[in-house]
Amino acid sequence: MSISDTPVIRTQGDTLFPTQGIVRIDGNQLDLLALGIAATPQIVDQDDPENVIESGDAGVTIQPSHTFTVVVDSNRVTRVAHTVKECDQVELAGTGTLPAGLITGQRYFVVNPKTNSFQLSLEPDGLPVVIEGTGTGVHSFMIPGEIRYDFQAADVADVGEYWFHFLLARDGETQHVTFPLHVVD
């Protein structure tokens, strides 16, 4: 199991930056909810990995939803500063009717991503799906395997280098997913 390498940087005394990544096995996204996997974050001292600074599931969201709109003329899904990459998988939902051409619960592949928009395909590197309307209600997508952790005020107070672990658990088995946490002035 690995997590997409998003560096974790927190500025001491300022708003804590959310960290998110996508859990993958052999390059394939895991649907954590469907697999019944729970995620618990831990922050540990890099010089003393046995020293757990913070642990608990407060602030963890498994597969959070992200609202979006569409641009029909370009067949693009728009979301400011989305984090999806080429060939990532997403699933769509909504409170009303999705835009014509899109199906609730269908697994789509991201193609042609830009900073604030992307297109959807039924196949990796496939042709974009034709979007024929804007739909009604609020539209959202979720990224299977995405974990978001919103740092808590009590997490790390001192400047330094730490390890940030997600402890993934299912049916009594656990797996650590680790990446660096840099706390700076």
Protein backbone atom coordinates (compact mmCIF):
# COMPACT_ATOMS: atom_id res chain seq x y z
CA MET A 1 0.00 0.00 0.00
CA SER A 2 1.29 3.47 -0.74
CA ILE A 3 -0.05 6.98 -0.72
CA SER A 4 0.46 9.56 -3.45
CA ASP A 5 3.46 11.60 -2.41
CA THR A 6 1.92 14.86 -1.30
CA PRO A 7 4.36 16.64 1.01
CA VAL A 8 2.89 17.62 4.34
CA ILE A 9 3.90 21.08 5.48
CA ARG A 10 2.48 22.88 8.45
CA THR A 11 3.33 26.43 9.45
CA GLN A 12 3.63 26.79 13.20
CA GLY A 13 0.91 28.96 14.70
CA ASP A 14 -0.99 29.39 11.44
CA THR A 15 -3.90 27.56 9.93
CA LEU A 16 -3.07 23.90 9.60
CA PHE A 17 -2.95 22.77 6.00
CA PRO A 18 -5.14 19.77 5.17
CA THR A 19 -3.30 16.79 3.80
CA GLN A 20 -4.77 14.45 1.32
CA GLY A 21 -3.55 11.55 -0.71
CA ILE A 22 -4.87 8.57 -2.58
CA VAL A 23 -4.17 5.08 -1.25
CA ARG A 24 -3.01 2.72 -3.98
CA ILE A 25 -1.88 -0.90 -4.29
CA ASP A 26 0.22 -1.66 -7.37
CA GLY A 27 -0.84 1.70 -8.81
CA ASN A 28 -4.57 0.94 -8.47
CA GLN A 29 -6.80 3.11 -6.31
CA LEU A 30 -8.44 1.39 -3.36
CA ASP A 31 -12.07 2.06 -2.54
CA LEU A 32 -11.57 2.27 1.22
CA LEU A 33 -15.25 2.47 2.12
CA ALA A 34 -16.20 -0.53 0.00
CA LEU A 35 -13.31 -2.52 1.52
CA GLY A 36 -14.31 -1.56 5.07
CA ILE A 37 -10.94 0.07 5.80
CA ALA A 38 -10.64 2.60 8.65
CA ALA A 39 -7.86 5.21 8.74
CA THR A 40 -6.28 6.61 11.91
CA PRO A 41 -3.60 9.30 11.68
CA GLN A 42 -0.50 9.31 13.87
CA ILE A 43 2.22 11.94 14.12
CA VAL A 44 5.59 10.67 15.36
CA ASP A 45 8.99 12.25 15.97
CA GLN A 46 11.41 11.47 13.10
CA ASP A 47 14.30 11.11 15.56
CA ASP A 48 12.29 8.83 17.85
CA PRO A 49 9.64 6.91 15.84
CA GLU A 50 8.35 5.25 19.03
CA ASN A 51 7.37 8.71 20.33
CA VAL A 52 3.76 9.13 19.12
CA ILE A 53 2.97 12.85 19.36
CA GLU A 54 -0.69 12.59 18.35
CA SER A 55 -3.03 9.76 17.44
CA GLY A 56 -6.75 9.46 16.85
CA ASP A 57 -9.36 9.59 14.14
CA ALA A 58 -10.58 13.17 14.70
CA GLY A 59 -10.24 15.11 11.46
CA VAL A 60 -10.13 12.05 9.17
CA THR A 61 -12.49 11.88 6.20
CA ILE A 62 -12.36 8.79 4.02
CA GLN A 63 -13.30 9.55 0.44
CA PRO A 64 -14.64 13.07 0.97
CA SER A 65 -16.96 14.49 -1.67
CA HIS A 66 -16.02 17.51 -3.78
CA THR A 67 -18.65 19.71 -5.43
CA PHE A 68 -18.32 20.54 -9.11
CA THR A 69 -19.98 22.26 -12.03
CA VAL A 70 -19.64 21.52 -15.74
CA VAL A 71 -18.81 23.48 -18.87
CA VAL A 72 -20.92 21.84 -21.59
CA ASP A 73 -19.06 23.37 -24.58
CA SER A 74 -15.76 21.79 -23.52
CA ASN A 75 -17.10 18.67 -21.73
CA ARG A 76 -15.20 19.72 -18.61
CA VAL A 77 -15.84 19.19 -14.92
CA THR A 78 -14.81 22.29 -12.99
CA ARG A 79 -13.54 22.40 -9.42
CA VAL A 80 -11.11 25.08 -8.24
CA ALA A 81 -7.75 23.57 -7.27
CA HIS A 82 -8.94 19.95 -7.54
CA THR A 83 -6.27 17.34 -6.81
CA VAL A 84 -7.05 14.71 -9.44
CA LYS A 85 -4.44 13.54 -11.92
CA GLU A 86 -4.56 11.86 -15.32
CA CYS A 87 -6.15 8.38 -15.04
CA ASP A 88 -7.35 8.86 -11.44
CA GLN A 89 -10.78 7.36 -10.93
CA VAL A 90 -13.78 9.32 -9.68
CA GLU A 91 -17.42 8.53 -8.94
CA LEU A 92 -20.22 11.08 -9.30
CA ALA A 93 -23.30 11.85 -7.21
CA GLY A 94 -25.73 14.70 -6.81
CA THR A 95 -28.75 16.05 -4.97
CA GLY A 96 -30.74 16.41 -8.20
CA THR A 97 -30.04 15.22 -11.73
CA LEU A 98 -26.47 14.92 -12.98
CA PRO A 99 -25.61 16.64 -16.25
CA ALA A 100 -26.87 14.67 -19.27
CA GLY A 101 -24.20 12.20 -20.34
CA LEU A 102 -23.01 11.48 -16.78
CA ILE A 103 -24.25 8.63 -14.56
CA THR A 104 -24.46 8.47 -10.76
CA GLY A 105 -22.11 5.85 -9.30
CA GLN A 106 -20.30 5.22 -12.62
CA ARG A 107 -16.53 4.92 -12.21
CA TYR A 108 -14.89 7.41 -14.58
CA PHE A 109 -11.24 8.03 -15.39
CA VAL A 110 -9.84 11.56 -15.35
CA VAL A 111 -8.42 12.74 -18.68
CA ASN A 112 -6.89 16.07 -19.71
CA PRO A 113 -6.72 17.60 -16.22
CA LYS A 114 -5.96 21.30 -15.81
CA THR A 115 -5.59 23.29 -12.60
CA ASN A 116 -9.31 23.93 -12.17
CA SER A 117 -10.98 21.42 -14.49
CA PHE A 118 -10.75 17.98 -16.06
CA GLN A 119 -12.59 15.70 -18.45
CA LEU A 120 -14.04 12.25 -17.77
CA SER A 121 -13.68 9.04 -19.76
CA LEU A 122 -15.02 5.52 -19.40
CA GLU A 123 -11.51 4.15 -20.07
CA PRO A 124 -8.02 5.15 -18.94
CA ASP A 125 -6.63 7.54 -21.57
CA GLY A 126 -9.94 7.23 -23.45
CA LEU A 127 -12.03 9.82 -25.24
CA PRO A 128 -13.84 12.36 -23.06
CA VAL A 129 -17.50 11.72 -22.25
CA VAL A 130 -19.84 14.15 -24.01
CA ILE A 131 -21.69 16.32 -21.49
CA GLU A 132 -24.98 17.59 -22.90
CA GLY A 133 -26.47 19.65 -20.08
CA THR A 134 -25.81 21.15 -16.65
CA GLY A 135 -28.28 19.05 -14.66
CA THR A 136 -30.01 20.21 -11.48
CA GLY A 137 -29.03 20.39 -7.82
CA VAL A 138 -25.54 20.11 -6.38
CA HIS A 139 -23.10 17.78 -8.13
CA SER A 140 -20.18 16.08 -6.39
CA PHE A 141 -17.40 13.60 -7.09
CA MET A 142 -15.41 11.40 -4.78
CA ILE A 143 -12.04 9.85 -5.40
CA PRO A 144 -11.94 6.18 -4.35
CA GLY A 145 -9.10 5.72 -1.87
CA GLU A 146 -8.75 9.40 -0.97
CA ILE A 147 -8.08 10.18 2.66
CA ARG A 148 -8.26 13.74 3.96
CA TYR A 149 -6.91 14.74 7.34
CA ASP A 150 -7.70 18.19 8.69
CA PHE A 151 -5.00 18.91 11.23
CA GLN A 152 -6.19 19.50 14.77
CA ALA A 153 -5.01 22.36 16.98
CA ALA A 154 -3.30 19.95 19.39
CA ASP A 155 -1.29 18.07 16.74
CA VAL A 156 2.29 19.39 16.58
CA ALA A 157 3.20 22.59 18.40
CA ASP A 158 6.99 22.61 17.96
CA VAL A 159 9.03 23.35 14.85
CA GLY A 160 10.68 20.16 13.63
CA GLU A 161 10.61 17.10 11.43
CA TYR A 162 7.98 14.44 12.03
CA TRP A 163 6.50 11.43 10.30
CA PHE A 164 2.80 11.46 9.47
CA HIS A 165 1.29 7.96 9.45
CA PHE A 166 -2.10 6.79 8.40
CA LEU A 167 -2.77 3.52 10.15
CA LEU A 168 -5.15 1.63 7.88
CA ALA A 169 -7.07 -1.20 9.51
CA ARG A 170 -9.36 -3.91 8.19
CA ASP A 171 -10.41 -7.23 9.70
CA GLY A 172 -7.73 -7.02 12.39
CA GLU A 173 -4.90 -6.36 9.89
CA THR A 174 -3.08 -3.03 9.83
CA GLN A 175 -0.85 -1.21 7.37
CA HIS A 176 1.10 2.04 7.86
CA VAL A 177 1.17 4.66 5.12
CA THR A 178 3.85 7.24 5.91
CA PHE A 179 5.05 10.57 4.61
CA PRO A 180 7.03 13.51 6.08
CA LEU A 181 5.56 16.33 8.13
CA HIS A 182 7.60 19.53 8.26
CA VAL A 183 6.62 22.08 10.90
CA VAL A 184 8.21 25.46 10.13
CA ASP A 185 8.15 29.00 11.63
